[in-house]
Amino acid sequence: LLGTKEALKATVNTLRARLEFTRAEFERAKALSGKGATSQQAFERARSEFESSKALLSQAEAQLSFSLITAAQSGTVIRRDGELGQLISSNQPVVWLSVDS
């Protein structure tokens, strides 16, 4: 079973691949629509799938970016007040560091 961060990375990679596929489908539908070789419904469906894929990828990338915790200084973690996958406030202490000198 993947950890939360690994699962998010896998989701982002999957959604990137889906975005590229739906982008290609949309471009193909747009070209065919311009020639009158496809229905408006097929064009709108391809556009909708492409836009949906962009939104899903953006959401997953935002979630992944929130999974990174950075410290102002390097040190050793001496206490952890959070659990993997737990939602925390932006100013809530999660770990306590012993700062390296």
PDB file of N, CA and C in Angstrom:
ATOM      1  N   LEU A   1       0.839  -1.180   0.000  1.00  0.00           N
ATOM      2  CA  LEU A   1       0.000   0.000   0.000  1.00  0.00           C
ATOM      3  C   LEU A   1       0.880   1.237   0.000  1.00  0.00           C
ATOM      4  N   LEU A   2       0.576   2.177  -0.888  1.00  0.00           N
ATOM      5  CA  LEU A   2       1.372   3.390  -0.982  1.00  0.00           C
ATOM      6  C   LEU A   2       1.058   4.344   0.152  1.00  0.00           C
ATOM      7  N   GLY A   3       2.085   5.101   0.584  1.00  0.00           N
ATOM      8  CA  GLY A   3       1.865   6.163   1.558  1.00  0.00           C
ATOM      9  C   GLY A   3       1.122   7.305   0.882  1.00  0.00           C
ATOM     10  N   THR A   4       0.676   8.251   1.670  1.00  0.00           N
ATOM     11  CA  THR A   4      -0.119   9.358   1.152  1.00  0.00           C
ATOM     12  C   THR A   4       0.618  10.136   0.073  1.00  0.00           C
ATOM     13  N   LYS A   5       1.878  10.504   0.326  1.00  0.00           N
ATOM     14  CA  LYS A   5       2.634  11.290  -0.647  1.00  0.00           C
ATOM     15  C   LYS A   5       2.877  10.487  -1.930  1.00  0.00           C
ATOM     16  N   GLU A   6       3.222   9.219  -1.787  1.00  0.00           N
ATOM     17  CA  GLU A   6       3.460   8.380  -2.963  1.00  0.00           C
ATOM     18  C   GLU A   6       2.183   8.205  -3.771  1.00  0.00           C
ATOM     19  N   ALA A   7       1.063   8.069  -3.077  1.00  0.00           N
ATOM     20  CA  ALA A   7      -0.225   7.936  -3.770  1.00  0.00           C
ATOM     21  C   ALA A   7      -0.554   9.222  -4.518  1.00  0.00           C
ATOM     22  N   LEU A   8      -0.281  10.365  -3.911  1.00  0.00           N
ATOM     23  CA  LEU A   8      -0.524  11.640  -4.590  1.00  0.00           C
ATOM     24  C   LEU A   8       0.361  11.796  -5.819  1.00  0.00           C
ATOM     25  N   LYS A   9       1.633  11.383  -5.699  1.00  0.00           N
ATOM     26  CA  LYS A   9       2.543  11.448  -6.850  1.00  0.00           C
ATOM     27  C   LYS A   9       2.027  10.559  -7.986  1.00  0.00           C
ATOM     28  N   ALA A  10       1.560   9.372  -7.642  1.00  0.00           N
ATOM     29  CA  ALA A  10       1.022   8.462  -8.654  1.00  0.00           C
ATOM     30  C   ALA A  10      -0.221   9.060  -9.310  1.00  0.00           C
ATOM     31  N   THR A  11      -1.065   9.694  -8.508  1.00  0.00           N
ATOM     32  CA  THR A  11      -2.265  10.335  -9.057  1.00  0.00           C
ATOM     33  C   THR A  11      -1.884  11.466  -9.998  1.00  0.00           C
ATOM     34  N   VAL A  12      -0.916  12.290  -9.602  1.00  0.00           N
ATOM     35  CA  VAL A  12      -0.463  13.389 -10.466  1.00  0.00           C
ATOM     36  C   VAL A  12       0.066  12.832 -11.787  1.00  0.00           C
ATOM     37  N   ASN A  13       0.871  11.785 -11.735  1.00  0.00           N
ATOM     38  CA  ASN A  13       1.411  11.191 -12.965  1.00  0.00           C
ATOM     39  C   ASN A  13       0.305  10.641 -13.856  1.00  0.00           C
ATOM     40  N   THR A  14      -0.668   9.999 -13.240  1.00  0.00           N
ATOM     41  CA  THR A  14      -1.801   9.466 -14.009  1.00  0.00           C
ATOM     42  C   THR A  14      -2.584  10.594 -14.667  1.00  0.00           C
ATOM     43  N   LEU A  15      -2.822  11.666 -13.912  1.00  0.00           N
ATOM     44  CA  LEU A  15      -3.587  12.791 -14.442  1.00  0.00           C
ATOM     45  C   LEU A  15      -2.819  13.550 -15.519  1.00  0.00           C
ATOM     46  N   ARG A  16      -1.486  13.586 -15.419  1.00  0.00           N
ATOM     47  CA  ARG A  16      -0.685  14.199 -16.487  1.00  0.00           C
ATOM     48  C   ARG A  16      -0.838  13.404 -17.788  1.00  0.00           C
ATOM     49  N   ALA A  17      -0.812  12.105 -17.680  1.00  0.00           N
ATOM     50  CA  ALA A  17      -0.995  11.262 -18.867  1.00  0.00           C
ATOM     51  C   ALA A  17      -2.399  11.448 -19.440  1.00  0.00           C
ATOM     52  N   ARG A  18      -3.390  11.513 -18.566  1.00  0.00           N
ATOM     53  CA  ARG A  18      -4.771  11.736 -19.019  1.00  0.00           C
ATOM     54  C   ARG A  18      -4.913  13.092 -19.697  1.00  0.00           C
ATOM     55  N   LEU A  19      -4.237  14.109 -19.151  1.00  0.00           N
ATOM     56  CA  LEU A  19      -4.291  15.437 -19.756  1.00  0.00           C
ATOM     57  C   LEU A  19      -3.714  15.419 -21.169  1.00  0.00           C
ATOM     58  N   GLU A  20      -2.593  14.756 -21.349  1.00  0.00           N
ATOM     59  CA  GLU A  20      -1.992  14.683 -22.684  1.00  0.00           C
ATOM     60  C   GLU A  20      -2.911  13.955 -23.669  1.00  0.00           C
ATOM     61  N   PHE A  21      -3.547  12.889 -23.203  1.00  0.00           N
ATOM     62  CA  PHE A  21      -4.483  12.161 -24.066  1.00  0.00           C
ATOM     63  C   PHE A  21      -5.672  13.035 -24.441  1.00  0.00           C
ATOM     64  N   THR A  22      -6.267  13.692 -23.430  1.00  0.00           N
ATOM     65  CA  THR A  22      -7.449  14.514 -23.717  1.00  0.00           C
ATOM     66  C   THR A  22      -7.083  15.746 -24.535  1.00  0.00           C
ATOM     67  N   ARG A  23      -5.858  16.261 -24.376  1.00  0.00           N
ATOM     68  CA  ARG A  23      -5.398  17.383 -25.205  1.00  0.00           C
ATOM     69  C   ARG A  23      -5.334  16.947 -26.676  1.00  0.00           C
ATOM     70  N   ALA A  24      -4.767  15.771 -26.908  1.00  0.00           N
ATOM     71  CA  ALA A  24      -4.676  15.255 -28.278  1.00  0.00           C
ATOM     72  C   ALA A  24      -6.067  15.011 -28.869  1.00  0.00           C
ATOM     73  N   GLU A  25      -6.965  14.458 -28.070  1.00  0.00           N
ATOM     74  CA  GLU A  25      -8.339  14.218 -28.529  1.00  0.00           C
ATOM     75  C   GLU A  25      -9.042  15.538 -28.859  1.00  0.00           C
ATOM     76  N   PHE A  26      -8.843  16.543 -28.019  1.00  0.00           N
ATOM     77  CA  PHE A  26      -9.457  17.848 -28.256  1.00  0.00           C
ATOM     78  C   PHE A  26      -8.906  18.485 -29.530  1.00  0.00           C
ATOM     79  N   GLU A  27      -7.597  18.438 -29.708  1.00  0.00           N
ATOM     80  CA  GLU A  27      -6.993  19.015 -30.922  1.00  0.00           C
ATOM     81  C   GLU A  27      -7.504  18.297 -32.172  1.00  0.00           C
ATOM     82  N   ARG A  28      -7.639  16.987 -32.084  1.00  0.00           N
ATOM     83  CA  ARG A  28      -8.160  16.207 -33.222  1.00  0.00           C
ATOM     84  C   ARG A  28      -9.612  16.590 -33.502  1.00  0.00           C
ATOM     85  N   ALA A  29     -10.420  16.692 -32.454  1.00  0.00           N
ATOM     86  CA  ALA A  29     -11.834  17.063 -32.625  1.00  0.00           C
ATOM     87  C   ALA A  29     -11.966  18.478 -33.167  1.00  0.00           C
ATOM     88  N   LYS A  30     -11.088  19.381 -32.721  1.00  0.00           N
ATOM     89  CA  LYS A  30     -11.126  20.761 -33.206  1.00  0.00           C
ATOM     90  C   LYS A  30     -10.806  20.814 -34.703  1.00  0.00           C
ATOM     91  N   ALA A  31      -9.798  20.055 -35.109  1.00  0.00           N
ATOM     92  CA  ALA A  31      -9.433  20.019 -36.527  1.00  0.00           C
ATOM     93  C   ALA A  31     -10.562  19.428 -37.370  1.00  0.00           C
ATOM     94  N   LEU A  32     -11.160  18.352 -36.875  1.00  0.00           N
ATOM     95  CA  LEU A  32     -12.258  17.722 -37.618  1.00  0.00           C
ATOM     96  C   LEU A  32     -13.487  18.623 -37.647  1.00  0.00           C
ATOM     97  N   SER A  33     -13.737  19.314 -36.552  1.00  0.00           N
ATOM     98  CA  SER A  33     -14.884  20.219 -36.494  1.00  0.00           C
ATOM     99  C   SER A  33     -14.716  21.369 -37.479  1.00  0.00           C
ATOM    100  N   GLY A  34     -13.493  21.862 -37.609  1.00  0.00           N
ATOM    101  CA  GLY A  34     -13.205  22.935 -38.559  1.00  0.00           C
ATOM    102  C   GLY A  34     -13.455  22.518 -39.994  1.00  0.00           C
ATOM    103  N   LYS A  35     -13.352  21.231 -40.269  1.00  0.00           N
ATOM    104  CA  LYS A  35     -13.594  20.700 -41.621  1.00  0.00           C
ATOM    105  C   LYS A  35     -15.021  20.188 -41.781  1.00  0.00           C
ATOM    106  N   GLY A  36     -15.800  20.282 -40.704  1.00  0.00           N
ATOM    107  CA  GLY A  36     -17.170  19.782 -40.749  1.00  0.00           C
ATOM    108  C   GLY A  36     -17.254  18.267 -40.750  1.00  0.00           C
ATOM    109  N   ALA A  37     -16.196  17.603 -40.264  1.00  0.00           N
ATOM    110  CA  ALA A  37     -16.128  16.144 -40.312  1.00  0.00           C
ATOM    111  C   ALA A  37     -16.523  15.476 -39.001  1.00  0.00           C
ATOM    112  N   THR A  38     -16.982  16.250 -38.028  1.00  0.00           N
ATOM    113  CA  THR A  38     -17.438  15.679 -36.765  1.00  0.00           C
ATOM    114  C   THR A  38     -18.586  16.524 -36.224  1.00  0.00           C
ATOM    115  N   SER A  39     -19.312  15.960 -35.310  1.00  0.00           N
ATOM    116  CA  SER A  39     -20.466  16.678 -34.757  1.00  0.00           C
ATOM    117  C   SER A  39     -20.022  17.701 -33.713  1.00  0.00           C
ATOM    118  N   GLN A  40     -20.865  18.683 -33.500  1.00  0.00           N
ATOM    119  CA  GLN A  40     -20.607  19.676 -32.463  1.00  0.00           C
ATOM    120  C   GLN A  40     -20.577  19.005 -31.088  1.00  0.00           C
ATOM    121  N   GLN A  41     -21.415  18.008 -30.919  1.00  0.00           N
ATOM    122  CA  GLN A  41     -21.461  17.283 -29.648  1.00  0.00           C
ATOM    123  C   GLN A  41     -20.129  16.595 -29.359  1.00  0.00           C
ATOM    124  N   ALA A  42     -19.528  15.965 -30.368  1.00  0.00           N
ATOM    125  CA  ALA A  42     -18.240  15.293 -30.185  1.00  0.00           C
ATOM    126  C   ALA A  42     -17.149  16.306 -29.856  1.00  0.00           C
ATOM    127  N   PHE A  43     -17.195  17.464 -30.517  1.00  0.00           N
ATOM    128  CA  PHE A  43     -16.236  18.523 -30.242  1.00  0.00           C
ATOM    129  C   PHE A  43     -16.389  19.018 -28.805  1.00  0.00           C
ATOM    130  N   GLU A  44     -17.629  19.283 -28.378  1.00  0.00           N
ATOM    131  CA  GLU A  44     -17.885  19.773 -27.019  1.00  0.00           C
ATOM    132  C   GLU A  44     -17.485  18.749 -25.965  1.00  0.00           C
ATOM    133  N   ARG A  45     -17.713  17.476 -26.245  1.00  0.00           N
ATOM    134  CA  ARG A  45     -17.322  16.418 -25.311  1.00  0.00           C
ATOM    135  C   ARG A  45     -15.802  16.390 -25.154  1.00  0.00           C
ATOM    136  N   ALA A  46     -15.081  16.483 -26.262  1.00  0.00           N
ATOM    137  CA  ALA A  46     -13.614  16.474 -26.209  1.00  0.00           C
ATOM    138  C   ALA A  46     -13.101  17.704 -25.460  1.00  0.00           C
ATOM    139  N   ARG A  47     -13.712  18.852 -25.688  1.00  0.00           N
ATOM    140  CA  ARG A  47     -13.306  20.074 -24.997  1.00  0.00           C
ATOM    141  C   ARG A  47     -13.569  19.947 -23.496  1.00  0.00           C
ATOM    142  N   SER A  48     -14.721  19.415 -23.157  1.00  0.00           N
ATOM    143  CA  SER A  48     -15.089  19.241 -21.759  1.00  0.00           C
ATOM    144  C   SER A  48     -14.138  18.279 -21.046  1.00  0.00           C
ATOM    145  N   GLU A  49     -13.784  17.187 -21.685  1.00  0.00           N
ATOM    146  CA  GLU A  49     -12.852  16.219 -21.096  1.00  0.00           C
ATOM    147  C   GLU A  49     -11.477  16.851 -20.883  1.00  0.00           C
ATOM    148  N   PHE A  50     -11.046  17.656 -21.854  1.00  0.00           N
ATOM    149  CA  PHE A  50      -9.756  18.328 -21.751  1.00  0.00           C
ATOM    150  C   PHE A  50      -9.760  19.319 -20.589  1.00  0.00           C
ATOM    151  N   GLU A  51     -10.797  20.135 -20.481  1.00  0.00           N
ATOM    152  CA  GLU A  51     -10.895  21.110 -19.398  1.00  0.00           C
ATOM    153  C   GLU A  51     -10.990  20.417 -18.036  1.00  0.00           C
ATOM    154  N   SER A  52     -11.735  19.339 -17.981  1.00  0.00           N
ATOM    155  CA  SER A  52     -11.856  18.572 -16.744  1.00  0.00           C
ATOM    156  C   SER A  52     -10.512  17.984 -16.330  1.00  0.00           C
ATOM    157  N   SER A  53      -9.760  17.481 -17.294  1.00  0.00           N
ATOM    158  CA  SER A  53      -8.441  16.912 -17.007  1.00  0.00           C
ATOM    159  C   SER A  53      -7.495  17.970 -16.465  1.00  0.00           C
ATOM    160  N   LYS A  54      -7.539  19.182 -17.033  1.00  0.00           N
ATOM    161  CA  LYS A  54      -6.692  20.272 -16.536  1.00  0.00           C
ATOM    162  C   LYS A  54      -7.034  20.594 -15.082  1.00  0.00           C
ATOM    163  N   ALA A  55      -8.317  20.672 -14.779  1.00  0.00           N
ATOM    164  CA  ALA A  55      -8.747  21.013 -13.423  1.00  0.00           C
ATOM    165  C   ALA A  55      -8.348  19.927 -12.422  1.00  0.00           C
ATOM    166  N   LEU A  56      -8.532  18.667 -12.792  1.00  0.00           N
ATOM    167  CA  LEU A  56      -8.168  17.570 -11.889  1.00  0.00           C
ATOM    168  C   LEU A  56      -6.670  17.542 -11.623  1.00  0.00           C
ATOM    169  N   LEU A  57      -5.867  17.775 -12.663  1.00  0.00           N
ATOM    170  CA  LEU A  57      -4.420  17.795 -12.485  1.00  0.00           C
ATOM    171  C   LEU A  57      -4.013  18.956 -11.583  1.00  0.00           C
ATOM    172  N   SER A  58      -4.592  20.104 -11.794  1.00  0.00           N
ATOM    173  CA  SER A  58      -4.284  21.268 -10.970  1.00  0.00           C
ATOM    174  C   SER A  58      -4.596  20.996  -9.493  1.00  0.00           C
ATOM    175  N   GLN A  59      -5.729  20.384  -9.236  1.00  0.00           N
ATOM    176  CA  GLN A  59      -6.129  20.051  -7.869  1.00  0.00           C
ATOM    177  C   GLN A  59      -5.151  19.049  -7.241  1.00  0.00           C
ATOM    178  N   ALA A  60      -4.776  18.031  -7.969  1.00  0.00           N
ATOM    179  CA  ALA A  60      -3.861  17.014  -7.445  1.00  0.00           C
ATOM    180  C   ALA A  60      -2.476  17.600  -7.190  1.00  0.00           C
ATOM    181  N   GLU A  61      -2.004  18.477  -8.089  1.00  0.00           N
ATOM    182  CA  GLU A  61      -0.709  19.118  -7.881  1.00  0.00           C
ATOM    183  C   GLU A  61      -0.731  20.015  -6.638  1.00  0.00           C
ATOM    184  N   ALA A  62      -1.840  20.702  -6.419  1.00  0.00           N
ATOM    185  CA  ALA A  62      -1.970  21.536  -5.216  1.00  0.00           C
ATOM    186  C   ALA A  62      -1.932  20.668  -3.965  1.00  0.00           C
ATOM    187  N   GLN A  63      -2.641  19.554  -3.980  1.00  0.00           N
ATOM    188  CA  GLN A  63      -2.628  18.651  -2.827  1.00  0.00           C
ATOM    189  C   GLN A  63      -1.220  18.126  -2.564  1.00  0.00           C
ATOM    190  N   LEU A  64      -0.508  17.796  -3.633  1.00  0.00           N
ATOM    191  CA  LEU A  64       0.860  17.293  -3.477  1.00  0.00           C
ATOM    192  C   LEU A  64       1.765  18.375  -2.901  1.00  0.00           C
ATOM    193  N   SER A  65       1.597  19.604  -3.343  1.00  0.00           N
ATOM    194  CA  SER A  65       2.450  20.683  -2.831  1.00  0.00           C
ATOM    195  C   SER A  65       2.203  20.924  -1.348  1.00  0.00           C
ATOM    196  N   PHE A  66       0.996  20.649  -0.877  1.00  0.00           N
ATOM    197  CA  PHE A  66       0.687  20.825   0.534  1.00  0.00           C
ATOM    198  C   PHE A  66       1.274  19.714   1.395  1.00  0.00           C
ATOM    199  N   SER A  67       1.794  18.668   0.787  1.00  0.00           N
ATOM    200  CA  SER A  67       2.319  17.545   1.558  1.00  0.00           C
ATOM    201  C   SER A  67       3.775  17.745   1.971  1.00  0.00           C
ATOM    202  N   LEU A  68       4.383  18.832   1.527  1.00  0.00           N
ATOM    203  CA  LEU A  68       5.784  19.091   1.842  1.00  0.00           C
ATOM    204  C   LEU A  68       5.885  20.051   3.022  1.00  0.00           C
ATOM    205  N   ILE A  69       6.649  19.653   4.016  1.00  0.00           N
ATOM    206  CA  ILE A  69       6.899  20.501   5.176  1.00  0.00           C
ATOM    207  C   ILE A  69       8.375  20.899   5.137  1.00  0.00           C
ATOM    208  N   THR A  70       8.635  22.191   5.239  1.00  0.00           N
ATOM    209  CA  THR A  70      10.015  22.658   5.244  1.00  0.00           C
ATOM    210  C   THR A  70      10.312  23.370   6.558  1.00  0.00           C
ATOM    211  N   ALA A  71      11.563  23.302   6.965  1.00  0.00           N
ATOM    212  CA  ALA A  71      12.000  23.944   8.200  1.00  0.00           C
ATOM    213  C   ALA A  71      12.908  25.115   7.859  1.00  0.00           C
ATOM    214  N   ALA A  72      12.947  26.101   8.757  1.00  0.00           N
ATOM    215  CA  ALA A  72      13.795  27.275   8.552  1.00  0.00           C
ATOM    216  C   ALA A  72      15.273  26.928   8.690  1.00  0.00           C
ATOM    217  N   GLN A  73      15.582  25.899   9.476  1.00  0.00           N
ATOM    218  CA  GLN A  73      16.962  25.488   9.698  1.00  0.00           C
ATOM    219  C   GLN A  73      17.047  23.971   9.666  1.00  0.00           C
ATOM    220  N   SER A  74      18.259  23.473   9.459  1.00  0.00           N
ATOM    221  CA  SER A  74      18.431  22.021   9.509  1.00  0.00           C
ATOM    222  C   SER A  74      18.550  21.586  10.965  1.00  0.00           C
ATOM    223  N   GLY A  75      18.167  20.384  11.238  1.00  0.00           N
ATOM    224  CA  GLY A  75      18.221  19.876  12.601  1.00  0.00           C
ATOM    225  C   GLY A  75      17.705  18.454  12.660  1.00  0.00           C
ATOM    226  N   THR A  76      17.504  17.981  13.871  1.00  0.00           N
ATOM    227  CA  THR A  76      17.007  16.639  14.111  1.00  0.00           C
ATOM    228  C   THR A  76      15.614  16.730  14.708  1.00  0.00           C
ATOM    229  N   VAL A  77      14.708  15.963  14.167  1.00  0.00           N
ATOM    230  CA  VAL A  77      13.340  15.948  14.702  1.00  0.00           C
ATOM    231  C   VAL A  77      13.368  15.267  16.066  1.00  0.00           C
ATOM    232  N   ILE A  78      12.872  15.975  17.086  1.00  0.00           N
ATOM    233  CA  ILE A  78      12.847  15.402  18.435  1.00  0.00           C
ATOM    234  C   ILE A  78      11.421  15.109  18.906  1.00  0.00           C
ATOM    235  N   ARG A  79      10.435  15.684  18.214  1.00  0.00           N
ATOM    236  CA  ARG A  79       9.038  15.417  18.568  1.00  0.00           C
ATOM    237  C   ARG A  79       8.168  15.676  17.350  1.00  0.00           C
ATOM    238  N   ARG A  80       7.174  14.836  17.175  1.00  0.00           N
ATOM    239  CA  ARG A  80       6.246  14.982  16.053  1.00  0.00           C
ATOM    240  C   ARG A  80       4.832  15.078  16.619  1.00  0.00           C
ATOM    241  N   ASP A  81       4.128  16.155  16.256  1.00  0.00           N
ATOM    242  CA  ASP A  81       2.765  16.357  16.742  1.00  0.00           C
ATOM    243  C   ASP A  81       1.706  16.109  15.670  1.00  0.00           C
ATOM    244  N   GLY A  82       2.088  15.549  14.567  1.00  0.00           N
ATOM    245  CA  GLY A  82       1.138  15.276  13.493  1.00  0.00           C
ATOM    246  C   GLY A  82       1.296  13.862  12.983  1.00  0.00           C
ATOM    247  N   GLU A  83       0.304  13.400  12.276  1.00  0.00           N
ATOM    248  CA  GLU A  83       0.321  12.062  11.689  1.00  0.00           C
ATOM    249  C   GLU A  83       0.260  12.167  10.172  1.00  0.00           C
ATOM    250  N   LEU A  84       0.797  11.183   9.506  1.00  0.00           N
ATOM    251  CA  LEU A  84       0.780  11.122   8.061  1.00  0.00           C
ATOM    252  C   LEU A  84      -0.661  11.206   7.552  1.00  0.00           C
ATOM    253  N   GLY A  85      -0.917  12.147   6.651  1.00  0.00           N
ATOM    254  CA  GLY A  85      -2.249  12.304   6.082  1.00  0.00           C
ATOM    255  C   GLY A  85      -3.150  13.252   6.842  1.00  0.00           C
ATOM    256  N   GLN A  86      -2.704  13.710   7.996  1.00  0.00           N
ATOM    257  CA  GLN A  86      -3.505  14.619   8.810  1.00  0.00           C
ATOM    258  C   GLN A  86      -3.482  16.017   8.198  1.00  0.00           C
ATOM    259  N   LEU A  87      -4.636  16.686   8.184  1.00  0.00           N
ATOM    260  CA  LEU A  87      -4.706  18.067   7.727  1.00  0.00           C
ATOM    261  C   LEU A  87      -4.323  18.976   8.883  1.00  0.00           C
ATOM    262  N   ILE A  88      -3.469  19.956   8.596  1.00  0.00           N
ATOM    263  CA  ILE A  88      -3.018  20.876   9.628  1.00  0.00           C
ATOM    264  C   ILE A  88      -3.166  22.312   9.145  1.00  0.00           C
ATOM    265  N   SER A  89      -3.241  23.236  10.088  1.00  0.00           N
ATOM    266  CA  SER A  89      -3.281  24.661   9.755  1.00  0.00           C
ATOM    267  C   SER A  89      -1.900  25.108   9.305  1.00  0.00           C
ATOM    268  N   SER A  90      -1.842  26.217   8.594  1.00  0.00           N
ATOM    269  CA  SER A  90      -0.556  26.672   8.063  1.00  0.00           C
ATOM    270  C   SER A  90       0.422  27.093   9.162  1.00  0.00           C
ATOM    271  N   ASN A  91      -0.049  27.542  10.298  1.00  0.00           N
ATOM    272  CA  ASN A  91       0.858  27.976  11.365  1.00  0.00           C
ATOM    273  C   ASN A  91       0.898  27.025  12.551  1.00  0.00           C
ATOM    274  N   GLN A  92       0.379  25.844  12.396  1.00  0.00           N
ATOM    275  CA  GLN A  92       0.355  24.857  13.482  1.00  0.00           C
ATOM    276  C   GLN A  92       1.687  24.106  13.536  1.00  0.00           C
ATOM    277  N   PRO A  93       2.332  24.052  14.714  1.00  0.00           N
ATOM    278  CA  PRO A  93       3.570  23.269  14.819  1.00  0.00           C
ATOM    279  C   PRO A  93       3.273  21.783  14.589  1.00  0.00           C
ATOM    280  N   VAL A  94       4.106  21.150  13.808  1.00  0.00           N
ATOM    281  CA  VAL A  94       3.931  19.733  13.505  1.00  0.00           C
ATOM    282  C   VAL A  94       5.095  18.929  14.046  1.00  0.00           C
ATOM    283  N   VAL A  95       6.288  19.480  13.924  1.00  0.00           N
ATOM    284  CA  VAL A  95       7.478  18.797  14.441  1.00  0.00           C
ATOM    285  C   VAL A  95       8.303  19.795  15.252  1.00  0.00           C
ATOM    286  N   TRP A  96       9.064  19.255  16.167  1.00  0.00           N
ATOM    287  CA  TRP A  96       9.977  20.050  16.990  1.00  0.00           C
ATOM    288  C   TRP A  96      11.391  19.616  16.605  1.00  0.00           C
ATOM    289  N   LEU A  97      12.251  20.607  16.376  1.00  0.00           N
ATOM    290  CA  LEU A  97      13.604  20.325  15.935  1.00  0.00           C
ATOM    291  C   LEU A  97      14.630  20.689  16.999  1.00  0.00           C
ATOM    292  N   SER A  98      15.676  19.886  17.042  1.00  0.00           N
ATOM    293  CA  SER A  98      16.883  20.271  17.766  1.00  0.00           C
ATOM    294  C   SER A  98      17.821  20.781  16.679  1.00  0.00           C
ATOM    295  N   VAL A  99      18.104  22.068  16.731  1.00  0.00           N
ATOM    296  CA  VAL A  99      18.863  22.712  15.643  1.00  0.00           C
ATOM    297  C   VAL A  99      20.337  22.332  15.715  1.00  0.00           C
ATOM    298  N   ASP A 100      20.882  21.931  14.557  1.00  0.00           N
ATOM    299  CA  ASP A 100      22.302  21.610  14.460  1.00  0.00           C
ATOM    300  C   ASP A 100      23.115  22.901  14.547  1.00  0.00           C
ATOM    301  N   SER A 101      24.256  22.852  15.245  1.00  0.00           N
ATOM    302  CA  SER A 101      25.075  24.063  15.318  1.00  0.00           C
ATOM    303  C   SER A 101      26.254  23.997  14.398  1.00  0.00           C
TER     304      SER A 101
END
